[in-house]
């Protein structure tokens, strides 16, 4: 949750009804914020682990608009006011949308100019998290988004998951630069491995498994590379 002179913005809405009732609503109450004070519920993307709680949460905040960088938000949530944001749009005073496609076409981050903080959602994957390795549906767009972020004045970076190897946050411009540089190197490794093995290993799942086996010895806690990422890389290479 972010407070501005124009009201509050909530970034993401968790995955389930239980998340809303057991976590989000009590957290708002603890901060002395009524859901009716929320003006924007910003979805960094519309995957279920980020937007799954919306249908439970929205009846509590009658003044809020659901915002995403995807026109799917209109059809997906017809019972509430929705808005398709564009890159560079100011949602509330000091809060700007950065469209960062790659993980998904509508992936985006929210930048707070007051502190130089970027809430990046899943736009910076590194090697992935937990059971889910790097998940990128648009490889070329993802690399462009990373290179764009590398050149921007970010003082504090917050991701939605504790990505391997660097976790959920980076504080200070040097640390942010290292985090993004790591993500670029990681994806360059993925691109190179997939392309080098595309002829000798025909199956995308087998390439993903081979990559994971190859790098697991050198990357602590490496999650398994997702097959759809390999398929996307191969599709762009054709």
Protein backbone atom coordinates (compact mmCIF):
# COMPACT_ATOMS: atom_id res chain seq x y z
CA UNK A 1 0.00 0.00 0.00
CA UNK A 2 1.25 3.47 -0.92
CA UNK A 3 -0.15 6.72 0.42
CA UNK A 4 -0.27 9.86 -1.72
CA UNK A 5 -1.91 13.27 -1.56
CA UNK A 6 -4.59 11.88 -3.86
CA UNK A 7 -5.39 8.77 -1.83
CA UNK A 8 -4.01 5.28 -1.39
CA UNK A 9 -2.89 2.74 -3.95
CA UNK A 10 -2.79 -0.98 -3.31
CA UNK A 11 -0.33 -2.90 -5.47
CA UNK A 12 -1.51 -6.43 -6.14
CA UNK A 13 -4.31 -8.27 -4.36
CA UNK A 14 -2.78 -11.64 -3.40
CA UNK A 15 -4.13 -14.98 -4.60
CA UNK A 16 -7.21 -16.06 -2.66
CA UNK A 17 -10.18 -14.89 -0.65
CA UNK A 18 -8.41 -16.10 2.49
CA UNK A 19 -5.43 -13.87 1.67
CA UNK A 20 -7.74 -10.87 1.54
CA UNK A 21 -9.67 -11.70 4.72
CA UNK A 22 -6.75 -12.97 6.80
CA UNK A 23 -3.97 -10.65 5.60
CA UNK A 24 -4.91 -7.61 3.53
CA UNK A 25 -7.97 -6.36 5.43
CA UNK A 26 -6.36 -6.79 8.89
CA UNK A 27 -3.21 -5.07 7.63
CA UNK A 28 -5.22 -2.09 6.42
CA UNK A 29 -7.03 -1.91 9.76
CA UNK A 30 -3.73 -2.02 11.62
CA UNK A 31 -2.53 0.95 9.57
CA UNK A 32 -5.73 2.88 10.25
CA UNK A 33 -6.74 2.84 6.57
CA UNK A 34 -10.26 2.13 5.43
CA UNK A 35 -10.63 0.22 2.14
CA UNK A 36 -12.85 3.12 1.02
CA UNK A 37 -9.73 5.33 1.11
CA UNK A 38 -8.10 3.26 -1.64
CA UNK A 39 -8.35 4.92 -5.04
CA UNK A 40 -6.32 2.51 -7.15
CA UNK A 41 -5.73 -1.23 -7.06
CA UNK A 42 -2.78 -1.60 -9.40
CA UNK A 43 -2.14 -5.03 -10.93
CA UNK A 44 1.46 -5.48 -12.02
CA UNK A 45 -0.04 -8.26 -14.16
CA UNK A 46 -3.17 -10.41 -14.04
CA UNK A 47 -1.76 -13.78 -12.99
CA UNK A 48 -3.72 -15.50 -10.25
CA UNK A 49 -1.08 -15.20 -7.54
CA UNK A 50 -1.19 -11.41 -7.93
CA UNK A 51 -4.82 -10.67 -8.79
CA UNK A 52 -6.69 -13.70 -7.48
CA UNK A 53 -8.04 -11.84 -4.46
CA UNK A 54 -9.60 -8.98 -6.41
CA UNK A 55 -13.17 -10.30 -6.52
CA UNK A 56 -13.14 -10.68 -2.74
CA UNK A 57 -11.47 -7.35 -2.05
CA UNK A 58 -13.22 -4.96 -4.42
CA UNK A 59 -16.64 -4.95 -2.68
CA UNK A 60 -14.87 -3.39 0.32
CA UNK A 61 -13.44 -0.44 -1.65
CA UNK A 62 -16.23 1.27 -3.52
CA UNK A 63 -14.01 4.19 -4.56
CA UNK A 64 -11.25 2.16 -6.19
CA UNK A 65 -10.40 1.54 -9.82
CA UNK A 66 -8.68 -1.66 -10.96
CA UNK A 67 -5.70 -0.66 -13.11
CA UNK A 68 -3.49 -2.82 -15.32
CA UNK A 69 -1.39 -2.48 -18.47
CA UNK A 70 -3.59 -5.02 -20.25
CA UNK A 71 -6.94 -4.60 -21.94
CA UNK A 72 -7.86 -8.02 -20.50
CA UNK A 73 -8.64 -6.25 -17.24
CA UNK A 74 -11.84 -4.82 -18.74
CA UNK A 75 -13.38 -8.16 -19.68
CA UNK A 76 -12.02 -10.00 -16.66
CA UNK A 77 -13.55 -7.63 -14.06
CA UNK A 78 -16.77 -6.32 -15.65
CA UNK A 79 -18.46 -5.67 -12.30
CA UNK A 80 -16.01 -2.93 -11.28
CA UNK A 81 -14.48 0.19 -12.74
CA UNK A 82 -11.31 -0.68 -14.63
CA UNK A 83 -8.64 1.29 -16.43
CA UNK A 84 -6.03 0.21 -18.98
CA UNK A 85 -2.91 2.19 -18.10
CA UNK A 86 -0.21 3.26 -20.52
CA UNK A 87 3.51 3.57 -20.01
CA UNK A 88 4.41 6.78 -18.20
CA UNK A 89 0.92 7.46 -16.90
CA UNK A 90 0.62 9.05 -13.46
CA UNK A 91 -2.03 7.14 -11.51
CA UNK A 92 -1.89 9.23 -8.34
CA UNK A 93 0.44 12.11 -7.42
CA UNK A 94 4.04 10.84 -7.72
CA UNK A 95 3.05 7.29 -8.80
CA UNK A 96 3.91 6.43 -12.39
CA UNK A 97 3.24 3.28 -14.39
CA UNK A 98 6.18 1.67 -16.18
CA UNK A 99 5.09 -0.92 -18.75
CA UNK A 100 7.69 -3.71 -18.60
CA UNK A 101 6.60 -6.57 -20.88
CA UNK A 102 8.43 -9.87 -20.88
CA UNK A 103 7.07 -12.08 -18.13
CA UNK A 104 3.71 -11.35 -19.74
CA UNK A 105 2.56 -8.81 -22.35
CA UNK A 106 0.97 -6.62 -19.67
CA UNK A 107 3.66 -6.84 -17.00
CA UNK A 108 4.32 -3.48 -15.37
CA UNK A 109 5.82 -1.76 -12.36
CA UNK A 110 4.78 1.21 -10.27
CA UNK A 111 7.38 3.91 -9.59
CA UNK A 112 7.19 6.32 -6.67
CA UNK A 113 9.14 9.44 -7.66
CA UNK A 114 9.30 10.72 -4.06
CA UNK A 115 11.64 7.94 -2.97
CA UNK A 116 12.79 6.47 -6.29
CA UNK A 117 11.08 3.18 -5.38
CA UNK A 118 10.01 0.69 -8.05
CA UNK A 119 7.52 -2.04 -7.19
CA UNK A 120 8.40 -4.30 -10.10
CA UNK A 121 5.97 -7.20 -9.75
CA UNK A 122 7.39 -10.12 -11.75
CA UNK A 123 9.11 -7.91 -14.33
CA UNK A 124 12.61 -8.82 -13.09
CA UNK A 125 12.82 -12.59 -12.81
CA UNK A 126 16.50 -13.42 -12.20
CA UNK A 127 16.57 -17.26 -12.15
CA UNK A 128 13.06 -17.58 -10.78
CA UNK A 129 11.66 -18.60 -7.41
CA UNK A 130 10.77 -21.79 -5.54
CA UNK A 131 9.31 -24.38 -7.89
CA UNK A 132 9.09 -21.87 -10.72
CA UNK A 133 12.21 -20.96 -12.62
CA UNK A 134 12.50 -17.95 -14.86
CA UNK A 135 9.12 -17.47 -16.53
CA UNK A 136 9.32 -15.32 -19.65
CA UNK A 137 6.79 -15.45 -22.45
CA UNK A 138 8.33 -12.64 -24.53
CA UNK A 139 12.13 -13.06 -24.44
CA UNK A 140 13.14 -10.08 -26.59
CA UNK A 141 10.72 -7.76 -24.79
CA UNK A 142 11.98 -9.01 -21.44
CA UNK A 143 15.58 -8.18 -22.27
CA UNK A 144 14.55 -4.73 -23.52
CA UNK A 145 12.69 -4.12 -20.26
CA UNK A 146 15.75 -5.10 -18.22
CA UNK A 147 18.01 -2.83 -20.24
CA UNK A 148 15.53 0.01 -19.87
CA UNK A 149 15.42 -0.44 -16.10
CA UNK A 150 19.19 -0.52 -15.91
CA UNK A 151 19.30 3.06 -17.22
CA UNK A 152 16.61 4.51 -14.93
CA UNK A 153 17.10 6.29 -11.57
CA UNK A 154 15.87 3.61 -9.17
CA UNK A 155 16.90 3.98 -5.53
CA UNK A 156 14.94 1.09 -4.09
CA UNK A 157 13.75 -2.02 -5.94
CA UNK A 158 11.06 -4.35 -4.59
CA UNK A 159 10.03 -7.54 -6.39
CA UNK A 160 6.98 -9.70 -5.76
CA UNK A 161 8.93 -12.88 -5.01
CA UNK A 162 12.36 -13.70 -3.51
CA UNK A 163 14.04 -14.34 -6.83
CA UNK A 164 17.21 -16.43 -6.96
CA UNK A 165 19.90 -15.41 -6.26
CA UNK A 166 19.27 -11.89 -4.87
CA UNK A 167 15.90 -12.03 -3.12
CA UNK A 168 13.10 -9.49 -2.91
CA UNK A 169 14.79 -6.10 -2.72
CA UNK A 170 17.79 -3.95 -3.48
CA UNK A 171 18.48 -0.70 -1.60
CA UNK A 172 20.60 2.05 -3.13
CA UNK A 173 21.38 2.66 -6.79
CA UNK A 174 24.48 0.48 -6.80
CA UNK A 175 22.61 -2.44 -5.28
CA UNK A 176 19.73 -1.95 -7.72
CA UNK A 177 22.16 -1.89 -10.64
CA UNK A 178 23.74 -5.13 -9.41
CA UNK A 179 20.32 -6.77 -9.07
CA UNK A 180 19.33 -5.86 -12.62
CA UNK A 181 22.76 -6.76 -14.01
CA UNK A 182 22.38 -10.17 -12.38
CA UNK A 183 18.99 -10.59 -14.06
CA UNK A 184 20.52 -9.67 -17.43
CA UNK A 185 23.38 -12.17 -16.97
CA UNK A 186 20.98 -14.88 -15.85
CA UNK A 187 18.79 -14.46 -18.90
CA UNK A 188 21.79 -14.28 -21.21
CA UNK A 189 22.84 -17.65 -19.77
CA UNK A 190 19.38 -19.06 -20.42
CA UNK A 191 19.29 -17.71 -23.99
CA UNK A 192 22.74 -19.06 -24.79
CA UNK A 193 22.07 -22.52 -23.35
CA UNK A 194 18.75 -22.92 -25.15
CA UNK A 195 20.14 -21.81 -28.50
CA UNK A 196 23.28 -23.94 -28.16
CA UNK A 197 21.24 -27.04 -27.39
CA UNK A 198 18.26 -26.51 -29.65
CA UNK A 199 19.56 -28.92 -32.30
CA UNK A 200 20.93 -31.64 -30.04
CA UNK A 201 18.05 -31.67 -27.53
CA UNK A 202 14.78 -31.57 -29.42
CA UNK A 203 12.30 -31.42 -26.55
CA UNK A 204 11.74 -28.09 -24.75
CA UNK A 205 11.17 -29.78 -21.42
CA UNK A 206 14.42 -31.70 -21.82
CA UNK A 207 16.31 -28.48 -22.59
CA UNK A 208 14.83 -26.87 -19.48
CA UNK A 209 15.82 -29.87 -17.36
CA UNK A 210 19.33 -29.91 -18.82
CA UNK A 211 19.78 -26.21 -18.09
CA UNK A 212 18.66 -26.68 -14.50
CA UNK A 213 21.02 -29.62 -14.02
CA UNK A 214 23.92 -27.72 -15.58
CA UNK A 215 23.57 -24.60 -13.41
CA UNK A 216 22.34 -26.14 -10.17
CA UNK A 217 25.88 -26.89 -9.02
CA UNK A 218 26.88 -23.22 -9.27
CA UNK A 219 23.66 -21.43 -8.26
CA UNK A 220 22.42 -22.17 -4.75
CA UNK A 221 18.69 -22.88 -4.65
CA UNK A 222 18.28 -22.71 -8.45
CA UNK A 223 14.63 -23.35 -9.35
CA UNK A 224 13.80 -25.46 -12.43
CA UNK A 225 13.71 -23.44 -15.64
CA UNK A 226 10.16 -23.30 -16.96
CA UNK A 227 9.44 -25.11 -20.21
CA UNK A 228 7.32 -22.27 -21.59
CA UNK A 229 10.34 -19.96 -21.38
CA UNK A 230 12.34 -22.39 -23.53
CA UNK A 231 9.47 -22.65 -26.01
CA UNK A 232 9.23 -18.85 -26.24
CA UNK A 233 12.98 -18.53 -26.90
CA UNK A 234 12.86 -21.20 -29.59
CA UNK A 235 9.78 -19.61 -31.18
CA UNK A 236 11.48 -16.20 -31.41
CA UNK A 237 14.57 -17.84 -32.90
CA UNK A 238 12.70 -19.26 -35.85
